N, C-alpha and C. Protein backbone atom coordinates (compact mmCIF):
# COMPACT_ATOMS: atom_id res chain seq x y z
N MET A 1 72.66 71.71 -116.24
CA MET A 1 71.50 70.87 -116.36
C MET A 1 71.71 69.63 -115.51
N GLN A 2 70.69 69.27 -114.79
CA GLN A 2 70.77 68.10 -113.93
C GLN A 2 69.84 67.03 -114.48
N LEU A 3 70.31 65.80 -114.51
CA LEU A 3 69.52 64.70 -115.04
C LEU A 3 69.38 63.63 -113.96
N GLY A 4 68.16 63.27 -113.67
CA GLY A 4 67.92 62.22 -112.69
C GLY A 4 67.40 60.97 -113.38
N VAL A 5 67.88 59.85 -112.94
CA VAL A 5 67.45 58.57 -113.51
C VAL A 5 67.00 57.67 -112.38
N ALA A 6 65.82 57.13 -112.52
CA ALA A 6 65.32 56.18 -111.52
C ALA A 6 65.55 54.76 -112.04
N ALA A 7 66.17 53.96 -111.23
CA ALA A 7 66.43 52.58 -111.61
C ALA A 7 65.40 51.67 -110.96
N GLN A 8 65.04 50.65 -111.70
CA GLN A 8 64.14 49.64 -111.16
C GLN A 8 64.89 48.33 -111.08
N ASP A 9 64.61 47.59 -110.04
CA ASP A 9 65.21 46.27 -109.90
C ASP A 9 64.25 45.24 -110.48
N PHE A 10 64.76 44.42 -111.36
CA PHE A 10 63.98 43.34 -111.94
C PHE A 10 64.62 42.02 -111.57
N GLN A 11 63.79 41.06 -111.31
CA GLN A 11 64.29 39.72 -111.03
C GLN A 11 63.99 38.86 -112.25
N VAL A 12 65.00 38.21 -112.76
CA VAL A 12 64.85 37.34 -113.92
C VAL A 12 64.93 35.90 -113.45
N ARG A 13 63.92 35.13 -113.81
CA ARG A 13 63.93 33.70 -113.49
C ARG A 13 63.65 32.93 -114.77
N ASN A 14 64.31 31.82 -114.92
CA ASN A 14 64.08 30.93 -116.06
C ASN A 14 63.29 29.72 -115.59
N TRP A 15 62.34 29.31 -116.40
CA TRP A 15 61.54 28.13 -116.10
C TRP A 15 61.73 27.12 -117.22
N TYR A 16 61.66 25.87 -116.84
CA TYR A 16 61.92 24.78 -117.77
C TYR A 16 60.83 23.72 -117.62
N VAL A 17 60.93 22.69 -118.44
CA VAL A 17 60.00 21.56 -118.35
C VAL A 17 60.02 20.98 -116.94
N GLU A 18 61.18 20.96 -116.33
CA GLU A 18 61.31 20.43 -114.97
C GLU A 18 60.50 21.25 -113.96
N ASN A 19 60.19 22.50 -114.30
CA ASN A 19 59.40 23.37 -113.43
C ASN A 19 57.91 23.30 -113.73
N GLY A 20 57.52 22.47 -114.70
CA GLY A 20 56.10 22.31 -115.00
C GLY A 20 55.64 22.82 -116.34
N LEU A 21 56.52 23.46 -117.11
CA LEU A 21 56.13 23.89 -118.45
C LEU A 21 55.89 22.68 -119.34
N PRO A 22 54.87 22.71 -120.20
CA PRO A 22 54.66 21.59 -121.11
C PRO A 22 55.81 21.40 -122.10
N ASP A 23 56.50 22.48 -122.45
CA ASP A 23 57.61 22.43 -123.39
C ASP A 23 58.51 23.63 -123.12
N SER A 24 59.76 23.54 -123.49
CA SER A 24 60.69 24.64 -123.21
C SER A 24 60.60 25.78 -124.23
N THR A 25 59.86 25.59 -125.32
CA THR A 25 59.67 26.65 -126.30
C THR A 25 58.33 27.33 -126.07
N VAL A 26 58.37 28.55 -125.58
CA VAL A 26 57.14 29.32 -125.33
C VAL A 26 56.80 30.08 -126.61
N THR A 27 55.56 29.89 -127.08
CA THR A 27 55.12 30.53 -128.32
C THR A 27 54.20 31.71 -128.08
N SER A 28 53.51 31.74 -126.94
CA SER A 28 52.56 32.84 -126.73
C SER A 28 52.29 33.07 -125.24
N PRO A 29 53.06 33.96 -124.62
CA PRO A 29 52.78 34.33 -123.23
C PRO A 29 51.72 35.44 -123.18
N ALA A 30 50.89 35.40 -122.15
CA ALA A 30 49.90 36.47 -121.95
C ALA A 30 49.57 36.54 -120.46
N GLN A 31 49.37 37.75 -119.96
CA GLN A 31 48.97 37.92 -118.57
C GLN A 31 47.55 38.46 -118.54
N THR A 32 46.73 37.87 -117.68
CA THR A 32 45.34 38.28 -117.55
C THR A 32 45.19 39.28 -116.41
N PRO A 33 44.09 40.05 -116.38
CA PRO A 33 43.90 41.06 -115.34
C PRO A 33 43.95 40.50 -113.92
N ASP A 34 43.62 39.21 -113.75
CA ASP A 34 43.67 38.62 -112.41
C ASP A 34 45.07 38.19 -112.00
N GLY A 35 46.08 38.46 -112.85
CA GLY A 35 47.47 38.23 -112.48
C GLY A 35 48.08 36.94 -112.97
N TYR A 36 47.29 36.04 -113.53
CA TYR A 36 47.85 34.78 -114.02
C TYR A 36 48.65 35.01 -115.30
N LEU A 37 49.73 34.26 -115.44
CA LEU A 37 50.50 34.24 -116.67
C LEU A 37 50.13 32.97 -117.41
N TRP A 38 49.56 33.11 -118.60
CA TRP A 38 49.21 31.97 -119.44
C TRP A 38 50.32 31.78 -120.45
N VAL A 39 50.75 30.54 -120.62
CA VAL A 39 51.90 30.25 -121.47
C VAL A 39 51.52 29.17 -122.48
N GLY A 40 51.50 29.55 -123.76
CA GLY A 40 51.29 28.58 -124.82
C GLY A 40 52.64 28.06 -125.27
N THR A 41 52.72 26.75 -125.46
CA THR A 41 53.97 26.13 -125.90
C THR A 41 53.67 25.20 -127.07
N ARG A 42 54.72 24.57 -127.58
CA ARG A 42 54.54 23.61 -128.67
C ARG A 42 53.84 22.35 -128.20
N LYS A 43 53.75 22.14 -126.89
CA LYS A 43 53.13 20.92 -126.38
C LYS A 43 51.98 21.19 -125.44
N GLY A 44 51.36 22.36 -125.54
CA GLY A 44 50.18 22.62 -124.74
C GLY A 44 50.20 23.95 -124.02
N LEU A 45 49.24 24.10 -123.13
CA LEU A 45 48.99 25.36 -122.43
C LEU A 45 49.20 25.17 -120.93
N ALA A 46 49.75 26.19 -120.28
CA ALA A 46 49.94 26.16 -118.83
C ALA A 46 49.60 27.52 -118.24
N ARG A 47 49.20 27.51 -116.97
CA ARG A 47 48.90 28.75 -116.25
C ARG A 47 49.86 28.84 -115.07
N PHE A 48 50.47 30.02 -114.91
CA PHE A 48 51.42 30.25 -113.83
C PHE A 48 50.80 31.22 -112.84
N ASP A 49 50.80 30.86 -111.56
CA ASP A 49 50.18 31.69 -110.53
C ASP A 49 51.19 32.48 -109.70
N GLY A 50 52.43 32.50 -110.15
CA GLY A 50 53.48 33.19 -109.40
C GLY A 50 54.34 32.23 -108.61
N GLU A 51 53.85 31.01 -108.43
CA GLU A 51 54.59 29.98 -107.69
C GLU A 51 54.85 28.74 -108.53
N SER A 52 53.83 28.29 -109.25
CA SER A 52 53.97 27.05 -110.00
C SER A 52 53.10 27.07 -111.25
N PHE A 53 53.43 26.17 -112.18
CA PHE A 53 52.67 26.02 -113.41
C PHE A 53 51.63 24.93 -113.24
N LYS A 54 50.47 25.14 -113.84
CA LYS A 54 49.44 24.11 -113.90
C LYS A 54 49.16 23.86 -115.38
N ARG A 55 49.41 22.64 -115.82
CA ARG A 55 49.12 22.30 -117.22
C ARG A 55 47.62 22.24 -117.41
N ILE A 56 47.16 22.79 -118.50
CA ILE A 56 45.74 22.79 -118.81
C ILE A 56 45.47 21.62 -119.75
N GLU A 57 44.70 20.68 -119.25
CA GLU A 57 44.38 19.49 -120.03
C GLU A 57 43.06 19.71 -120.75
N THR A 58 42.92 19.11 -121.93
CA THR A 58 41.72 19.31 -122.72
C THR A 58 40.64 18.27 -122.43
N GLY A 59 40.91 17.33 -121.58
CA GLY A 59 39.88 16.36 -121.23
C GLY A 59 39.92 15.12 -122.10
N GLY A 60 38.75 14.66 -122.51
CA GLY A 60 38.58 13.37 -123.18
C GLY A 60 39.20 13.23 -124.54
N GLY A 61 40.11 13.99 -124.89
CA GLY A 61 40.76 13.91 -126.19
C GLY A 61 41.30 15.27 -126.54
N ASN A 62 42.42 15.30 -127.13
CA ASN A 62 43.05 16.57 -127.46
C ASN A 62 42.54 17.07 -128.81
N PRO A 63 41.76 18.16 -128.83
CA PRO A 63 41.25 18.65 -130.10
C PRO A 63 42.32 19.37 -130.93
N LEU A 64 43.47 19.60 -130.34
CA LEU A 64 44.56 20.24 -131.07
C LEU A 64 45.31 19.18 -131.86
N HIS A 65 45.56 19.45 -133.12
CA HIS A 65 46.21 18.48 -133.99
C HIS A 65 47.56 18.04 -133.44
N ASP A 66 48.39 18.99 -133.02
CA ASP A 66 49.73 18.64 -132.56
C ASP A 66 50.06 19.22 -131.19
N SER A 67 49.06 19.68 -130.46
CA SER A 67 49.19 20.25 -129.11
C SER A 67 49.82 21.64 -129.09
N SER A 68 50.15 22.21 -130.24
CA SER A 68 50.76 23.54 -130.28
C SER A 68 49.74 24.61 -129.92
N VAL A 69 50.19 25.60 -129.16
CA VAL A 69 49.35 26.75 -128.83
C VAL A 69 50.08 28.00 -129.28
N TRP A 70 49.44 28.76 -130.17
CA TRP A 70 50.01 30.00 -130.69
C TRP A 70 49.00 31.10 -130.46
N GLY A 71 49.45 32.29 -130.19
CA GLY A 71 48.54 33.40 -129.99
C GLY A 71 49.14 34.69 -130.53
N CYS A 72 48.30 35.68 -130.59
CA CYS A 72 48.80 36.99 -131.01
C CYS A 72 48.11 38.08 -130.22
């Protein structure tokens, strides 16, 4: 019996507050069909486009009690 295994190469990168994350604790990552990675943290929401994070601001006042973003 012959067994073939295909290996995939994955690149692992770590991102931190210094890279633009609102907080280092990610509570809810999600990827949308257009390729963006949305990241909910204890201190807000950010969108990653493959190169950099953009913090999503709520505008004239933060309607979130403590800025936490959780999802399921």
